[in-house]
Amino acid sequence: VFRPLLLIATVTEPLMMLTGWMRGPASAASAKELDAGTDEAIGKFEQEIKGGKAFLESSKGMLVFPRVLKGGAGFGGEYGEGAFRIKGKTVDYYSMLQGSFGLQLGGEIKTVYLVFLDEAAMNRFHDGEGWKAGVDGSVSLVTLGAGGTIDTNNMKDPIVAFVLGQKGLMYNLSLEGTKFTKQKK
């Protein structure tokens, strides 16, 4: 006998738990906590990536999500909050949200950096109320060149991203479909 209510409860319960888990501690961050986390994340980037400090200083701006929570049990998602900085000063706060469906179980915490290399692209991002990667613009994930340094000669895209996990720079990830939304703090 087919029981649609049981099926719906089986699917929605993990999703509700995941949504509550992802929005719980991450969304409770105050502006002060986000700024402190962003300072720490930038320090980690500069320490772990050769040439990272000079690269960030030469950018037009950056959006740093110090703590992005990713988890799933069939349905999955990522959520984090971060600070948007221009010339070292926080000008706004954003959330990022990405959902997924497929074989997945577990979770991880990572740090996401969006670095704006083009002022016009940065202004289009910042002037909007929301922005979706792959729809409103593209974001390319950066890999490191020889010697573990940032290869700025091959960067042609106006927005580049770095993802640092617990074991360092992460590869083969996608921000496609990630929604970035301004937050009031």
C-alpha atoms as a PDB file:
ATOM      1  CA  VAL A   1       0.000   0.000   0.000  1.00  0.00           C
ATOM      2  CA  PHE A   2       1.399   3.384  -1.027  1.00  0.00           C
ATOM      3  CA  ARG A   3       1.408   5.899   1.823  1.00  0.00           C
ATOM      4  CA  PRO A   4       2.137   9.387   0.497  1.00  0.00           C
ATOM      5  CA  LEU A   5       2.036  11.018   3.934  1.00  0.00           C
ATOM      6  CA  LEU A   6       4.766   8.706   5.199  1.00  0.00           C
ATOM      7  CA  LEU A   7       6.894   9.452   2.142  1.00  0.00           C
ATOM      8  CA  ILE A   8       6.468  13.204   2.595  1.00  0.00           C
ATOM      9  CA  ALA A   9       7.365  12.974   6.282  1.00  0.00           C
ATOM     10  CA  THR A  10      10.432  10.851   5.444  1.00  0.00           C
ATOM     11  CA  VAL A  11      11.693  13.412   2.925  1.00  0.00           C
ATOM     12  CA  THR A  12      10.756  16.625   4.718  1.00  0.00           C
ATOM     13  CA  GLU A  13      11.953  15.696   8.202  1.00  0.00           C
ATOM     14  CA  PRO A  14      15.701  15.540   7.308  1.00  0.00           C
ATOM     15  CA  LEU A  15      15.300  18.678   5.205  1.00  0.00           C
ATOM     16  CA  MET A  16      13.699  20.555   8.094  1.00  0.00           C
ATOM     17  CA  MET A  17      16.405  19.339  10.459  1.00  0.00           C
ATOM     18  CA  LEU A  18      19.109  20.385   7.962  1.00  0.00           C
ATOM     19  CA  THR A  19      17.542  23.793   7.423  1.00  0.00           C
ATOM     20  CA  GLY A  20      17.291  24.357  11.168  1.00  0.00           C
ATOM     21  CA  TRP A  21      20.869  23.204  11.704  1.00  0.00           C
ATOM     22  CA  MET A  22      22.214  25.392   8.905  1.00  0.00           C
ATOM     23  CA  ARG A  23      20.297  28.500   9.850  1.00  0.00           C
ATOM     24  CA  GLY A  24      20.777  28.077  13.594  1.00  0.00           C
ATOM     25  CA  PRO A  25      24.284  29.089  14.683  1.00  0.00           C
ATOM     26  CA  ALA A  26      25.298  30.629  11.332  1.00  0.00           C
ATOM     27  CA  SER A  27      22.467  33.164  11.213  1.00  0.00           C
ATOM     28  CA  ALA A  28      22.942  34.256  14.818  1.00  0.00           C
ATOM     29  CA  ALA A  29      26.164  36.106  14.016  1.00  0.00           C
ATOM     30  CA  SER A  30      26.158  39.795  14.831  1.00  0.00           C
ATOM     31  CA  ALA A  31      27.988  42.397  12.739  1.00  0.00           C
ATOM     32  CA  LYS A  32      30.791  42.415  15.308  1.00  0.00           C
ATOM     33  CA  GLU A  33      31.118  38.603  15.178  1.00  0.00           C
ATOM     34  CA  LEU A  34      31.092  38.594  11.371  1.00  0.00           C
ATOM     35  CA  ASP A  35      33.778  41.289  11.231  1.00  0.00           C
ATOM     36  CA  ALA A  36      35.969  39.367  13.688  1.00  0.00           C
ATOM     37  CA  GLY A  37      35.471  36.125  11.743  1.00  0.00           C
ATOM     38  CA  THR A  38      36.251  37.914   8.479  1.00  0.00           C
ATOM     39  CA  ASP A  39      39.468  39.379   9.926  1.00  0.00           C
ATOM     40  CA  GLU A  40      40.506  35.901  11.042  1.00  0.00           C
ATOM     41  CA  ALA A  41      39.617  34.352   7.653  1.00  0.00           C
ATOM     42  CA  ILE A  42      41.605  36.998   5.765  1.00  0.00           C
ATOM     43  CA  GLY A  43      44.593  36.364   8.043  1.00  0.00           C
ATOM     44  CA  LYS A  44      44.327  32.626   7.331  1.00  0.00           C
ATOM     45  CA  PHE A  45      44.158  33.267   3.572  1.00  0.00           C
ATOM     46  CA  GLU A  46      47.224  35.530   3.678  1.00  0.00           C
ATOM     47  CA  GLN A  47      49.118  32.932   5.726  1.00  0.00           C
ATOM     48  CA  GLU A  48      48.181  29.832   3.677  1.00  0.00           C
ATOM     49  CA  ILE A  49      48.282  31.224   0.122  1.00  0.00           C
ATOM     50  CA  LYS A  50      51.634  32.479  -1.171  1.00  0.00           C
ATOM     51  CA  GLY A  51      51.135  36.001  -2.489  1.00  0.00           C
ATOM     52  CA  GLY A  52      47.666  36.072  -0.888  1.00  0.00           C
ATOM     53  CA  LYS A  53      48.115  39.358   0.953  1.00  0.00           C
ATOM     54  CA  ALA A  54      49.280  41.273  -2.132  1.00  0.00           C
ATOM     55  CA  PHE A  55      46.514  39.681  -4.209  1.00  0.00           C
ATOM     56  CA  LEU A  56      43.766  40.715  -1.785  1.00  0.00           C
ATOM     57  CA  GLU A  57      45.203  44.223  -1.449  1.00  0.00           C
ATOM     58  CA  SER A  58      45.166  44.650  -5.250  1.00  0.00           C
ATOM     59  CA  SER A  59      41.512  43.568  -5.561  1.00  0.00           C
ATOM     60  CA  LYS A  60      38.609  46.014  -5.912  1.00  0.00           C
ATOM     61  CA  GLY A  61      36.764  44.344  -3.032  1.00  0.00           C
ATOM     62  CA  MET A  62      35.970  41.009  -1.445  1.00  0.00           C
ATOM     63  CA  LEU A  63      33.138  39.115   0.159  1.00  0.00           C
ATOM     64  CA  VAL A  64      34.291  36.718   2.864  1.00  0.00           C
ATOM     65  CA  PHE A  65      32.146  34.006   4.433  1.00  0.00           C
ATOM     66  CA  PRO A  66      34.206  32.853   7.428  1.00  0.00           C
ATOM     67  CA  ARG A  67      31.992  29.880   8.289  1.00  0.00           C
ATOM     68  CA  VAL A  68      29.931  28.137   5.621  1.00  0.00           C
ATOM     69  CA  LEU A  69      28.103  25.072   6.858  1.00  0.00           C
ATOM     70  CA  LYS A  70      27.433  22.298   4.353  1.00  0.00           C
ATOM     71  CA  GLY A  71      25.348  19.285   5.202  1.00  0.00           C
ATOM     72  CA  GLY A  72      22.923  16.814   3.833  1.00  0.00           C
ATOM     73  CA  ALA A  73      20.941  13.637   4.146  1.00  0.00           C
ATOM     74  CA  GLY A  74      19.635  13.129   0.613  1.00  0.00           C
ATOM     75  CA  PHE A  75      18.720  16.790   0.373  1.00  0.00           C
ATOM     76  CA  GLY A  76      21.617  19.054   1.130  1.00  0.00           C
ATOM     77  CA  GLY A  77      22.656  22.635   1.270  1.00  0.00           C
ATOM     78  CA  GLU A  78      25.133  25.250   2.300  1.00  0.00           C
ATOM     79  CA  TYR A  79      24.578  28.374   4.340  1.00  0.00           C
ATOM     80  CA  GLY A  80      26.853  31.092   5.621  1.00  0.00           C
ATOM     81  CA  GLU A  81      27.019  34.778   6.417  1.00  0.00           C
ATOM     82  CA  GLY A  82      29.827  37.119   5.540  1.00  0.00           C
ATOM     83  CA  ALA A  83      31.161  40.637   5.251  1.00  0.00           C
ATOM     84  CA  PHE A  84      31.601  42.587   2.014  1.00  0.00           C
ATOM     85  CA  ARG A  85      34.716  44.732   2.162  1.00  0.00           C
ATOM     86  CA  ILE A  86      36.048  47.509  -0.014  1.00  0.00           C
ATOM     87  CA  LYS A  87      39.522  48.860   0.768  1.00  0.00           C
ATOM     88  CA  GLY A  88      39.589  46.929   4.038  1.00  0.00           C
ATOM     89  CA  LYS A  89      36.303  48.375   5.373  1.00  0.00           C
ATOM     90  CA  THR A  90      33.056  46.431   5.777  1.00  0.00           C
ATOM     91  CA  VAL A  91      30.324  48.044   3.662  1.00  0.00           C
ATOM     92  CA  ASP A  92      27.596  45.360   3.883  1.00  0.00           C
ATOM     93  CA  TYR A  93      26.755  41.875   5.090  1.00  0.00           C
ATOM     94  CA  TYR A  94      25.528  38.991   2.968  1.00  0.00           C
ATOM     95  CA  SER A  95      24.217  35.466   3.302  1.00  0.00           C
ATOM     96  CA  MET A  96      24.897  32.674   0.846  1.00  0.00           C
ATOM     97  CA  LEU A  97      22.581  29.741   0.282  1.00  0.00           C
ATOM     98  CA  GLN A  98      22.877  26.759  -2.034  1.00  0.00           C
ATOM     99  CA  GLY A  99      20.679  23.688  -2.144  1.00  0.00           C
ATOM    100  CA  SER A 100      21.282  20.296  -3.706  1.00  0.00           C
ATOM    101  CA  PHE A 101      19.678  16.907  -4.145  1.00  0.00           C
ATOM    102  CA  GLY A 102      21.456  13.597  -4.535  1.00  0.00           C
ATOM    103  CA  LEU A 103      23.517  11.029  -2.720  1.00  0.00           C
ATOM    104  CA  GLN A 104      25.003  12.843   0.261  1.00  0.00           C
ATOM    105  CA  LEU A 105      25.319  12.347   3.969  1.00  0.00           C
ATOM    106  CA  GLY A 106      27.301  14.345   6.495  1.00  0.00           C
ATOM    107  CA  GLY A 107      28.603  17.851   6.784  1.00  0.00           C
ATOM    108  CA  GLU A 108      31.599  20.147   6.705  1.00  0.00           C
ATOM    109  CA  ILE A 109      32.629  23.694   7.511  1.00  0.00           C
ATOM    110  CA  LYS A 110      34.573  25.835   5.056  1.00  0.00           C
ATOM    111  CA  THR A 111      35.504  29.432   4.316  1.00  0.00           C
ATOM    112  CA  VAL A 112      34.498  31.055   1.018  1.00  0.00           C
ATOM    113  CA  TYR A 113      36.173  34.138  -0.477  1.00  0.00           C
ATOM    114  CA  LEU A 114      34.724  36.016  -3.476  1.00  0.00           C
ATOM    115  CA  VAL A 115      37.329  38.431  -4.795  1.00  0.00           C
ATOM    116  CA  PHE A 116      36.308  41.174  -7.214  1.00  0.00           C
ATOM    117  CA  LEU A 117      38.985  41.991  -9.782  1.00  0.00           C
ATOM    118  CA  ASP A 118      36.789  44.334 -11.826  1.00  0.00           C
ATOM    119  CA  GLU A 119      35.124  47.402 -10.323  1.00  0.00           C
ATOM    120  CA  ALA A 120      32.102  47.305 -12.675  1.00  0.00           C
ATOM    121  CA  ALA A 121      31.384  43.668 -11.738  1.00  0.00           C
ATOM    122  CA  MET A 122      31.768  44.518  -8.059  1.00  0.00           C
ATOM    123  CA  ASN A 123      29.343  47.441  -8.371  1.00  0.00           C
ATOM    124  CA  ARG A 124      26.738  45.311 -10.212  1.00  0.00           C
ATOM    125  CA  PHE A 125      26.983  42.722  -7.442  1.00  0.00           C
ATOM    126  CA  HIS A 126      26.845  45.238  -4.599  1.00  0.00           C
ATOM    127  CA  ASP A 127      24.137  47.489  -6.070  1.00  0.00           C
ATOM    128  CA  GLY A 128      21.649  44.632  -6.448  1.00  0.00           C
ATOM    129  CA  GLU A 129      19.484  43.242  -3.667  1.00  0.00           C
ATOM    130  CA  GLY A 130      20.335  39.663  -4.544  1.00  0.00           C
ATOM    131  CA  TRP A 131      22.725  37.887  -6.889  1.00  0.00           C
ATOM    132  CA  LYS A 132      22.838  34.312  -8.135  1.00  0.00           C
ATOM    133  CA  ALA A 133      26.063  32.741  -9.398  1.00  0.00           C
ATOM    134  CA  GLY A 134      25.686  31.470 -12.952  1.00  0.00           C
ATOM    135  CA  VAL A 135      22.607  33.628 -13.587  1.00  0.00           C
ATOM    136  CA  ASP A 136      23.571  37.205 -12.683  1.00  0.00           C
ATOM    137  CA  GLY A 137      27.263  36.614 -13.343  1.00  0.00           C
ATOM    138  CA  SER A 138      29.911  33.957 -13.256  1.00  0.00           C
ATOM    139  CA  VAL A 139      32.376  33.146 -10.537  1.00  0.00           C
ATOM    140  CA  SER A 140      35.449  31.049 -11.294  1.00  0.00           C
ATOM    141  CA  LEU A 141      37.126  28.992  -8.647  1.00  0.00           C
ATOM    142  CA  VAL A 142      40.865  29.568  -8.507  1.00  0.00           C
ATOM    143  CA  THR A 143      43.511  26.902  -8.464  1.00  0.00           C
ATOM    144  CA  LEU A 144      47.072  27.669  -7.491  1.00  0.00           C
ATOM    145  CA  GLY A 145      49.992  27.832  -9.886  1.00  0.00           C
ATOM    146  CA  ALA A 146      53.474  26.370  -9.498  1.00  0.00           C
ATOM    147  CA  GLY A 147      54.881  26.712  -6.004  1.00  0.00           C
ATOM    148  CA  GLY A 148      51.434  27.203  -4.471  1.00  0.00           C
ATOM    149  CA  THR A 149      51.141  30.854  -5.535  1.00  0.00           C
ATOM    150  CA  ILE A 150      48.175  32.642  -7.075  1.00  0.00           C
ATOM    151  CA  ASP A 151      48.584  32.769 -10.849  1.00  0.00           C
ATOM    152  CA  THR A 152      47.191  36.232 -11.606  1.00  0.00           C
ATOM    153  CA  ASN A 153      48.349  36.084 -15.257  1.00  0.00           C
ATOM    154  CA  ASN A 154      45.637  33.550 -16.109  1.00  0.00           C
ATOM    155  CA  MET A 155      42.797  35.293 -14.267  1.00  0.00           C
ATOM    156  CA  LYS A 156      40.440  36.713 -16.868  1.00  0.00           C
ATOM    157  CA  ASP A 157      37.158  36.609 -14.930  1.00  0.00           C
ATOM    158  CA  PRO A 158      35.954  39.677 -13.007  1.00  0.00           C
ATOM    159  CA  ILE A 159      34.996  37.618  -9.918  1.00  0.00           C
ATOM    160  CA  VAL A 160      37.092  34.751  -8.596  1.00  0.00           C
ATOM    161  CA  ALA A 161      36.512  32.512  -5.615  1.00  0.00           C
ATOM    162  CA  PHE A 162      38.650  30.553  -3.203  1.00  0.00           C
ATOM    163  CA  VAL A 163      37.358  27.904  -0.818  1.00  0.00           C
ATOM    164  CA  LEU A 164      39.450  26.912   2.192  1.00  0.00           C
ATOM    165  CA  GLY A 165      38.539  23.775   4.092  1.00  0.00           C
ATOM    166  CA  GLN A 166      40.102  22.289   7.164  1.00  0.00           C
ATOM    167  CA  LYS A 167      42.904  20.836   5.015  1.00  0.00           C
ATOM    168  CA  GLY A 168      43.561  23.946   2.913  1.00  0.00           C
ATOM    169  CA  LEU A 169      42.441  25.115  -0.527  1.00  0.00           C
ATOM    170  CA  MET A 170      39.617  22.999  -1.955  1.00  0.00           C
ATOM    171  CA  TYR A 171      39.222  22.160  -5.655  1.00  0.00           C
ATOM    172  CA  ASN A 172      36.516  20.756  -7.936  1.00  0.00           C
ATOM    173  CA  LEU A 173      33.746  22.719  -6.266  1.00  0.00           C
ATOM    174  CA  SER A 174      31.054  24.855  -7.833  1.00  0.00           C
ATOM    175  CA  LEU A 175      29.267  27.954  -6.662  1.00  0.00           C
ATOM    176  CA  GLU A 176      26.829  27.646  -9.579  1.00  0.00           C
ATOM    177  CA  GLY A 177      23.308  28.400  -8.354  1.00  0.00           C
ATOM    178  CA  THR A 178      24.464  29.882  -5.044  1.00  0.00           C
ATOM    179  CA  LYS A 179      22.250  32.789  -3.984  1.00  0.00           C
ATOM    180  CA  PHE A 180      23.888  35.801  -2.322  1.00  0.00           C
ATOM    181  CA  THR A 181      21.564  38.155  -0.421  1.00  0.00           C
ATOM    182  CA  LYS A 182      22.231  41.395   1.487  1.00  0.00           C
ATOM    183  CA  GLN A 183      21.544  41.194   5.214  1.00  0.00           C
ATOM    184  CA  LYS A 184      20.759  43.935   7.700  1.00  0.00           C
ATOM    185  CA  LYS A 185      23.034  43.739  10.752  1.00  0.00           C
END
